């Protein structure tokens, strides 16, 4: 178990909270993500968040269990270079 904060790049803002959990592989489905949020198991910027569709933007810190994720804008030029 690690306390490191990982960086999650997003291409557009905002992104709904449940999608972050799903796309980062922390849950199996969007439904599971929404359930975890409603149960109060997710924090955004240190505060328990119960809105399934909470809008997440650059600079937000999302915590779920032992996972900590800092949301950053993904640079489209960098992504293009790494995928070539």
PDB file of N, CA and C in Angstrom:
ATOM      1  N   UNK A   1       0.853  -1.178   0.000  1.00  0.00           N
ATOM      2  CA  UNK A   1       0.000   0.000   0.000  1.00  0.00           C
ATOM      3  C   UNK A   1       0.895   1.237   0.000  1.00  0.00           C
ATOM      4  N   UNK A   2       0.541   2.203  -0.830  1.00  0.00           N
ATOM      5  CA  UNK A   2       1.361   3.391  -0.967  1.00  0.00           C
ATOM      6  C   UNK A   2       0.541   4.648  -0.684  1.00  0.00           C
ATOM      7  N   UNK A   3       1.200   5.668  -0.194  1.00  0.00           N
ATOM      8  CA  UNK A   3       0.527   6.937   0.049  1.00  0.00           C
ATOM      9  C   UNK A   3       0.866   7.947  -1.027  1.00  0.00           C
ATOM     10  N   UNK A   4       1.495   7.489  -2.116  1.00  0.00           N
ATOM     11  CA  UNK A   4       1.871   8.381  -3.196  1.00  0.00           C
ATOM     12  C   UNK A   4       0.642   8.880  -3.929  1.00  0.00           C
ATOM     13  N   UNK A   5       0.726  10.123  -4.378  1.00  0.00           N
ATOM     14  CA  UNK A   5      -0.333  10.696  -5.191  1.00  0.00           C
ATOM     15  C   UNK A   5       0.061  10.529  -6.646  1.00  0.00           C
ATOM     16  N   UNK A   6      -0.806   9.887  -7.419  1.00  0.00           N
ATOM     17  CA  UNK A   6      -0.497   9.734  -8.841  1.00  0.00           C
ATOM     18  C   UNK A   6      -1.203  10.823  -9.636  1.00  0.00           C
ATOM     19  N   UNK A   7      -0.621  11.152 -10.762  1.00  0.00           N
ATOM     20  CA  UNK A   7      -1.182  12.173 -11.628  1.00  0.00           C
ATOM     21  C   UNK A   7      -2.063  11.500 -12.671  1.00  0.00           C
ATOM     22  N   UNK A   8      -3.270  12.023 -12.822  1.00  0.00           N
ATOM     23  CA  UNK A   8      -4.208  11.537 -13.824  1.00  0.00           C
ATOM     24  C   UNK A   8      -4.441  12.668 -14.812  1.00  0.00           C
ATOM     25  N   UNK A   9      -4.104  12.417 -16.073  1.00  0.00           N
ATOM     26  CA  UNK A   9      -4.284  13.431 -17.107  1.00  0.00           C
ATOM     27  C   UNK A   9      -5.660  13.353 -17.731  1.00  0.00           C
ATOM     28  N   UNK A  10      -6.299  14.499 -17.895  1.00  0.00           N
ATOM     29  CA  UNK A  10      -7.587  14.555 -18.577  1.00  0.00           C
ATOM     30  C   UNK A  10      -7.454  15.458 -19.796  1.00  0.00           C
ATOM     31  N   UNK A  11      -8.147  15.115 -20.860  1.00  0.00           N
ATOM     32  CA  UNK A  11      -8.054  15.887 -22.108  1.00  0.00           C
ATOM     33  C   UNK A  11      -9.011  17.058 -22.135  1.00  0.00           C
ATOM     34  N   UNK A  12     -10.141  16.920 -21.443  1.00  0.00           N
ATOM     35  CA  UNK A  12     -11.093  18.022 -21.410  1.00  0.00           C
ATOM     36  C   UNK A  12     -11.670  18.150 -20.021  1.00  0.00           C
ATOM     37  N   UNK A  13     -12.107  19.335 -19.701  1.00  0.00           N
ATOM     38  CA  UNK A  13     -12.700  19.616 -18.392  1.00  0.00           C
ATOM     39  C   UNK A  13     -14.122  20.073 -18.603  1.00  0.00           C
ATOM     40  N   UNK A  14     -14.989  19.839 -17.653  1.00  0.00           N
ATOM     41  CA  UNK A  14     -14.804  18.975 -16.484  1.00  0.00           C
ATOM     42  C   UNK A  14     -15.057  17.513 -16.835  1.00  0.00           C
ATOM     43  N   UNK A  15     -14.690  16.626 -15.913  1.00  0.00           N
ATOM     44  CA  UNK A  15     -14.961  15.197 -16.025  1.00  0.00           C
ATOM     45  C   UNK A  15     -15.778  14.802 -14.802  1.00  0.00           C
ATOM     46  N   UNK A  16     -16.805  13.985 -15.007  1.00  0.00           N
ATOM     47  CA  UNK A  16     -17.630  13.561 -13.877  1.00  0.00           C
ATOM     48  C   UNK A  16     -16.836  12.613 -12.980  1.00  0.00           C
ATOM     49  N   UNK A  17     -17.006  12.764 -11.688  1.00  0.00           N
ATOM     50  CA  UNK A  17     -16.249  12.003 -10.689  1.00  0.00           C
ATOM     51  C   UNK A  17     -16.329  10.500 -10.912  1.00  0.00           C
ATOM     52  N   UNK A  18     -17.513   9.968 -11.156  1.00  0.00           N
ATOM     53  CA  UNK A  18     -17.632   8.519 -11.307  1.00  0.00           C
ATOM     54  C   UNK A  18     -16.799   8.000 -12.475  1.00  0.00           C
ATOM     55  N   UNK A  19     -16.610   8.820 -13.503  1.00  0.00           N
ATOM     56  CA  UNK A  19     -15.814   8.402 -14.663  1.00  0.00           C
ATOM     57  C   UNK A  19     -14.336   8.289 -14.309  1.00  0.00           C
ATOM     58  N   UNK A  20     -13.855   9.159 -13.441  1.00  0.00           N
ATOM     59  CA  UNK A  20     -12.454   9.073 -12.997  1.00  0.00           C
ATOM     60  C   UNK A  20     -12.217   7.716 -12.329  1.00  0.00           C
ATOM     61  N   UNK A  21     -13.098   7.327 -11.411  1.00  0.00           N
ATOM     62  CA  UNK A  21     -12.942   6.048 -10.715  1.00  0.00           C
ATOM     63  C   UNK A  21     -12.994   4.884 -11.693  1.00  0.00           C
ATOM     64  N   UNK A  22     -13.914   4.948 -12.641  1.00  0.00           N
ATOM     65  CA  UNK A  22     -14.066   3.865 -13.607  1.00  0.00           C
ATOM     66  C   UNK A  22     -12.864   3.775 -14.547  1.00  0.00           C
ATOM     67  N   UNK A  23     -12.487   4.902 -15.170  1.00  0.00           N
ATOM     68  CA  UNK A  23     -11.421   4.881 -16.157  1.00  0.00           C
ATOM     69  C   UNK A  23     -10.054   4.603 -15.549  1.00  0.00           C
ATOM     70  N   UNK A  24      -9.882   4.891 -14.271  1.00  0.00           N
ATOM     71  CA  UNK A  24      -8.612   4.600 -13.604  1.00  0.00           C
ATOM     72  C   UNK A  24      -8.571   3.177 -13.054  1.00  0.00           C
ATOM     73  N   UNK A  25      -9.633   2.408 -13.283  1.00  0.00           N
ATOM     74  CA  UNK A  25      -9.645   1.000 -12.899  1.00  0.00           C
ATOM     75  C   UNK A  25      -9.826   0.747 -11.412  1.00  0.00           C
ATOM     76  N   UNK A  26     -10.358   1.728 -10.686  1.00  0.00           N
ATOM     77  CA  UNK A  26     -10.547   1.562  -9.246  1.00  0.00           C
ATOM     78  C   UNK A  26     -11.841   0.829  -8.925  1.00  0.00           C
ATOM     79  N   UNK A  27     -12.740   0.772  -9.903  1.00  0.00           N
ATOM     80  CA  UNK A  27     -13.999   0.032  -9.793  1.00  0.00           C
ATOM     81  C   UNK A  27     -14.221  -0.692 -11.118  1.00  0.00           C
ATOM     82  N   UNK A  28     -15.144  -1.649 -11.105  1.00  0.00           N
ATOM     83  CA  UNK A  28     -15.402  -2.437 -12.309  1.00  0.00           C
ATOM     84  C   UNK A  28     -16.367  -1.757 -13.282  1.00  0.00           C
ATOM     85  N   UNK A  29     -17.233  -0.888 -12.766  1.00  0.00           N
ATOM     86  CA  UNK A  29     -18.256  -0.291 -13.624  1.00  0.00           C
ATOM     87  C   UNK A  29     -18.628   1.104 -13.125  1.00  0.00           C
ATOM     88  N   UNK A  30     -19.347   1.826 -13.986  1.00  0.00           N
ATOM     89  CA  UNK A  30     -19.848   3.130 -13.597  1.00  0.00           C
ATOM     90  C   UNK A  30     -20.834   3.031 -12.449  1.00  0.00           C
ATOM     91  N   UNK A  31     -21.646   1.967 -12.451  1.00  0.00           N
ATOM     92  CA  UNK A  31     -22.606   1.762 -11.368  1.00  0.00           C
ATOM     93  C   UNK A  31     -21.922   1.557 -10.032  1.00  0.00           C
ATOM     94  N   UNK A  32     -20.849   0.780 -10.050  1.00  0.00           N
ATOM     95  CA  UNK A  32     -20.080   0.550  -8.817  1.00  0.00           C
ATOM     96  C   UNK A  32     -19.450   1.854  -8.328  1.00  0.00           C
ATOM     97  N   UNK A  33     -18.969   2.674  -9.269  1.00  0.00           N
ATOM     98  CA  UNK A  33     -18.378   3.965  -8.914  1.00  0.00           C
ATOM     99  C   UNK A  33     -19.421   4.868  -8.269  1.00  0.00           C
ATOM    100  N   UNK A  34     -20.592   4.940  -8.866  1.00  0.00           N
ATOM    101  CA  UNK A  34     -21.663   5.783  -8.327  1.00  0.00           C
ATOM    102  C   UNK A  34     -22.067   5.327  -6.932  1.00  0.00           C
ATOM    103  N   UNK A  35     -22.133   4.018  -6.720  1.00  0.00           N
ATOM    104  CA  UNK A  35     -22.495   3.481  -5.415  1.00  0.00           C
ATOM    105  C   UNK A  35     -21.451   3.867  -4.365  1.00  0.00           C
ATOM    106  N   UNK A  36     -20.167   3.737  -4.709  1.00  0.00           N
ATOM    107  CA  UNK A  36     -19.090   4.094  -3.782  1.00  0.00           C
ATOM    108  C   UNK A  36     -19.166   5.572  -3.407  1.00  0.00           C
ATOM    109  N   UNK A  37     -19.497   6.419  -4.376  1.00  0.00           N
ATOM    110  CA  UNK A  37     -19.593   7.855  -4.117  1.00  0.00           C
ATOM    111  C   UNK A  37     -20.763   8.144  -3.179  1.00  0.00           C
ATOM    112  N   UNK A  38     -21.931   7.593  -3.483  1.00  0.00           N
ATOM    113  CA  UNK A  38     -23.121   7.831  -2.653  1.00  0.00           C
ATOM    114  C   UNK A  38     -22.902   7.330  -1.223  1.00  0.00           C
ATOM    115  N   UNK A  39     -22.136   6.253  -1.070  1.00  0.00           N
ATOM    116  CA  UNK A  39     -21.825   5.719   0.258  1.00  0.00           C
ATOM    117  C   UNK A  39     -20.860   6.612   1.039  1.00  0.00           C
ATOM    118  N   UNK A  40     -20.260   7.598   0.387  1.00  0.00           N
ATOM    119  CA  UNK A  40     -19.333   8.496   1.067  1.00  0.00           C
ATOM    120  C   UNK A  40     -17.910   7.973   1.139  1.00  0.00           C
ATOM    121  N   UNK A  41     -17.532   7.102   0.214  1.00  0.00           N
ATOM    122  CA  UNK A  41     -16.191   6.500   0.231  1.00  0.00           C
ATOM    123  C   UNK A  41     -15.175   7.266  -0.618  1.00  0.00           C
ATOM    124  N   UNK A  42     -15.587   8.405  -1.198  1.00  0.00           N
ATOM    125  CA  UNK A  42     -14.707   9.192  -2.068  1.00  0.00           C
ATOM    126  C   UNK A  42     -14.583  10.605  -1.511  1.00  0.00           C
ATOM    127  N   UNK A  43     -13.352  11.122  -1.552  1.00  0.00           N
ATOM    128  CA  UNK A  43     -13.100  12.494  -1.111  1.00  0.00           C
ATOM    129  C   UNK A  43     -12.576  13.292  -2.304  1.00  0.00           C
ATOM    130  N   UNK A  44     -13.017  14.538  -2.386  1.00  0.00           N
ATOM    131  CA  UNK A  44     -12.503  15.464  -3.395  1.00  0.00           C
ATOM    132  C   UNK A  44     -11.979  16.674  -2.640  1.00  0.00           C
ATOM    133  N   UNK A  45     -10.705  16.931  -2.819  1.00  0.00           N
ATOM    134  CA  UNK A  45     -10.035  18.042  -2.130  1.00  0.00           C
ATOM    135  C   UNK A  45     -10.237  17.966  -0.620  1.00  0.00           C
ATOM    136  N   UNK A  46     -10.170  16.736  -0.088  1.00  0.00           N
ATOM    137  CA  UNK A  46     -10.230  16.519   1.353  1.00  0.00           C
ATOM    138  C   UNK A  46     -11.621  16.448   1.953  1.00  0.00           C
ATOM    139  N   UNK A  47     -12.656  16.592   1.134  1.00  0.00           N
ATOM    140  CA  UNK A  47     -14.031  16.597   1.631  1.00  0.00           C
ATOM    141  C   UNK A  47     -14.796  15.410   1.044  1.00  0.00           C
ATOM    142  N   UNK A  48     -15.548  14.696   1.887  1.00  0.00           N
ATOM    143  CA  UNK A  48     -16.370  13.588   1.395  1.00  0.00           C
ATOM    144  C   UNK A  48     -17.330  14.133   0.337  1.00  0.00           C
ATOM    145  N   UNK A  49     -17.353  13.466  -0.807  1.00  0.00           N
ATOM    146  CA  UNK A  49     -18.193  13.903  -1.923  1.00  0.00           C
ATOM    147  C   UNK A  49     -19.233  12.827  -2.216  1.00  0.00           C
ATOM    148  N   UNK A  50     -20.509  13.197  -2.221  1.00  0.00           N
ATOM    149  CA  UNK A  50     -21.597  12.248  -2.475  1.00  0.00           C
ATOM    150  C   UNK A  50     -22.320  12.507  -3.799  1.00  0.00           C
ATOM    151  N   UNK A  51     -21.885  13.511  -4.546  1.00  0.00           N
ATOM    152  CA  UNK A  51     -22.482  13.786  -5.858  1.00  0.00           C
ATOM    153  C   UNK A  51     -21.818  12.895  -6.904  1.00  0.00           C
ATOM    154  N   UNK A  52     -22.583  11.982  -7.469  1.00  0.00           N
ATOM    155  CA  UNK A  52     -22.035  11.048  -8.465  1.00  0.00           C
ATOM    156  C   UNK A  52     -21.471  11.775  -9.671  1.00  0.00           C
ATOM    157  N   UNK A  53     -22.134  12.832 -10.052  1.00  0.00           N
ATOM    158  CA  UNK A  53     -21.720  13.548 -11.258  1.00  0.00           C
ATOM    159  C   UNK A  53     -20.947  14.836 -10.943  1.00  0.00           C
ATOM    160  N   UNK A  54     -20.338  14.872  -9.774  1.00  0.00           N
ATOM    161  CA  UNK A  54     -19.502  16.013  -9.386  1.00  0.00           C
ATOM    162  C   UNK A  54     -18.500  16.295 -10.499  1.00  0.00           C
ATOM    163  N   UNK A  55     -18.382  17.540 -10.879  1.00  0.00           N
ATOM    164  CA  UNK A  55     -17.466  17.930 -11.954  1.00  0.00           C
ATOM    165  C   UNK A  55     -16.052  18.078 -11.403  1.00  0.00           C
ATOM    166  N   UNK A  56     -15.129  17.325 -11.976  1.00  0.00           N
ATOM    167  CA  UNK A  56     -13.730  17.324 -11.559  1.00  0.00           C
ATOM    168  C   UNK A  56     -12.931  18.100 -12.597  1.00  0.00           C
ATOM    169  N   UNK A  57     -12.033  18.974 -12.114  1.00  0.00           N
ATOM    170  CA  UNK A  57     -11.234  19.816 -13.003  1.00  0.00           C
ATOM    171  C   UNK A  57      -9.756  19.758 -12.609  1.00  0.00           C
ATOM    172  N   UNK A  58      -8.941  20.351 -13.451  1.00  0.00           N
ATOM    173  CA  UNK A  58      -7.496  20.448 -13.231  1.00  0.00           C
ATOM    174  C   UNK A  58      -7.199  20.954 -11.818  1.00  0.00           C
ATOM    175  N   UNK A  59      -6.315  20.254 -11.122  1.00  0.00           N
ATOM    176  CA  UNK A  59      -5.913  20.668  -9.783  1.00  0.00           C
ATOM    177  C   UNK A  59      -6.652  19.963  -8.660  1.00  0.00           C
ATOM    178  N   UNK A  60      -7.774  19.290  -8.976  1.00  0.00           N
ATOM    179  CA  UNK A  60      -8.515  18.579  -7.926  1.00  0.00           C
ATOM    180  C   UNK A  60      -7.727  17.360  -7.442  1.00  0.00           C
ATOM    181  N   UNK A  61      -7.924  17.025  -6.173  1.00  0.00           N
ATOM    182  CA  UNK A  61      -7.337  15.828  -5.575  1.00  0.00           C
ATOM    183  C   UNK A  61      -8.483  14.882  -5.236  1.00  0.00           C
ATOM    184  N   UNK A  62      -8.454  13.692  -5.825  1.00  0.00           N
ATOM    185  CA  UNK A  62      -9.488  12.687  -5.601  1.00  0.00           C
ATOM    186  C   UNK A  62      -8.881  11.550  -4.796  1.00  0.00           C
ATOM    187  N   UNK A  63      -9.570  11.139  -3.719  1.00  0.00           N
ATOM    188  CA  UNK A  63      -9.105  10.046  -2.876  1.00  0.00           C
ATOM    189  C   UNK A  63     -10.178   8.966  -2.808  1.00  0.00           C
ATOM    190  N   UNK A  64      -9.757   7.726  -3.015  1.00  0.00           N
ATOM    191  CA  UNK A  64     -10.658   6.584  -2.940  1.00  0.00           C
ATOM    192  C   UNK A  64      -9.862   5.436  -2.314  1.00  0.00           C
ATOM    193  N   UNK A  65     -10.238   5.050  -1.105  1.00  0.00           N
ATOM    194  CA  UNK A  65      -9.449   4.047  -0.393  1.00  0.00           C
ATOM    195  C   UNK A  65      -8.042   4.573  -0.181  1.00  0.00           C
ATOM    196  N   UNK A  66      -7.059   3.777  -0.552  1.00  0.00           N
ATOM    197  CA  UNK A  66      -5.660   4.177  -0.394  1.00  0.00           C
ATOM    198  C   UNK A  66      -5.146   4.970  -1.595  1.00  0.00           C
ATOM    199  N   UNK A  67      -5.973   5.108  -2.625  1.00  0.00           N
ATOM    200  CA  UNK A  67      -5.558   5.801  -3.848  1.00  0.00           C
ATOM    201  C   UNK A  67      -5.761   7.309  -3.733  1.00  0.00           C
ATOM    202  N   UNK A  68      -4.731   8.046  -4.141  1.00  0.00           N
ATOM    203  CA  UNK A  68      -4.807   9.506  -4.214  1.00  0.00           C
ATOM    204  C   UNK A  68      -4.416   9.903  -5.628  1.00  0.00           C
ATOM    205  N   UNK A  69      -5.263  10.729  -6.244  1.00  0.00           N
ATOM    206  CA  UNK A  69      -5.028  11.128  -7.630  1.00  0.00           C
ATOM    207  C   UNK A  69      -5.129  12.637  -7.772  1.00  0.00           C
ATOM    208  N   UNK A  70      -4.108  13.239  -8.330  1.00  0.00           N
ATOM    209  CA  UNK A  70      -4.105  14.669  -8.645  1.00  0.00           C
ATOM    210  C   UNK A  70      -4.507  14.777 -10.114  1.00  0.00           C
ATOM    211  N   UNK A  71      -5.550  15.544 -10.397  1.00  0.00           N
ATOM    212  CA  UNK A  71      -6.050  15.684 -11.757  1.00  0.00           C
ATOM    213  C   UNK A  71      -5.314  16.828 -12.446  1.00  0.00           C
ATOM    214  N   UNK A  72      -4.763  16.523 -13.621  1.00  0.00           N
ATOM    215  CA  UNK A  72      -4.002  17.504 -14.395  1.00  0.00           C
ATOM    216  C   UNK A  72      -4.505  17.491 -15.834  1.00  0.00           C
ATOM    217  N   UNK A  73      -4.304  18.603 -16.527  1.00  0.00           N
ATOM    218  CA  UNK A  73      -4.637  18.658 -17.954  1.00  0.00           C
ATOM    219  C   UNK A  73      -3.594  17.857 -18.722  1.00  0.00           C
ATOM    220  N   UNK A  74      -4.064  16.997 -19.627  1.00  0.00           N
ATOM    221  CA  UNK A  74      -3.149  16.260 -20.497  1.00  0.00           C
ATOM    222  C   UNK A  74      -2.816  17.139 -21.691  1.00  0.00           C
ATOM    223  N   UNK A  75      -1.548  17.227 -22.016  1.00  0.00           N
ATOM    224  CA  UNK A  75      -1.098  18.011 -23.162  1.00  0.00           C
ATOM    225  C   UNK A  75      -1.271  17.168 -24.416  1.00  0.00           C
ATOM    226  N   UNK A  76      -2.110  17.598 -25.336  1.00  0.00           N
ATOM    227  CA  UNK A  76      -2.395  16.837 -26.555  1.00  0.00           C
ATOM    228  C   UNK A  76      -1.133  16.603 -27.383  1.00  0.00           C
ATOM    229  N   UNK A  77      -0.213  17.582 -27.422  1.00  0.00           N
ATOM    230  CA  UNK A  77       1.022  17.420 -28.183  1.00  0.00           C
ATOM    231  C   UNK A  77       1.887  16.318 -27.592  1.00  0.00           C
ATOM    232  N   UNK A  78       1.996  16.258 -26.262  1.00  0.00           N
ATOM    233  CA  UNK A  78       2.778  15.212 -25.603  1.00  0.00           C
ATOM    234  C   UNK A  78       2.170  13.849 -25.883  1.00  0.00           C
ATOM    235  N   UNK A  79       0.835  13.743 -25.824  1.00  0.00           N
ATOM    236  CA  UNK A  79       0.174  12.468 -26.083  1.00  0.00           C
ATOM    237  C   UNK A  79       0.438  11.999 -27.491  1.00  0.00           C
ATOM    238  N   UNK A  80       0.413  12.904 -28.469  1.00  0.00           N
ATOM    239  CA  UNK A  80       0.661  12.545 -29.855  1.00  0.00           C
ATOM    240  C   UNK A  80       2.085  12.020 -30.021  1.00  0.00           C
ATOM    241  N   UNK A  81       3.049  12.663 -29.362  1.00  0.00           N
ATOM    242  CA  UNK A  81       4.444  12.232 -29.459  1.00  0.00           C
ATOM    243  C   UNK A  81       4.655  10.857 -28.856  1.00  0.00           C
ATOM    244  N   UNK A  82       4.006  10.554 -27.721  1.00  0.00           N
ATOM    245  CA  UNK A  82       4.220   9.275 -27.074  1.00  0.00           C
ATOM    246  C   UNK A  82       3.502   8.144 -27.780  1.00  0.00           C
ATOM    247  N   UNK A  83       2.494   8.447 -28.592  1.00  0.00           N
ATOM    248  CA  UNK A  83       1.757   7.380 -29.265  1.00  0.00           C
ATOM    249  C   UNK A  83       2.325   7.057 -30.639  1.00  0.00           C
ATOM    250  N   UNK A  84       3.307   7.825 -31.105  1.00  0.00           N
ATOM    251  CA  UNK A  84       3.897   7.574 -32.437  1.00  0.00           C
ATOM    252  C   UNK A  84       4.866   6.421 -32.390  1.00  0.00           C
TER     253      UNK A  84
END
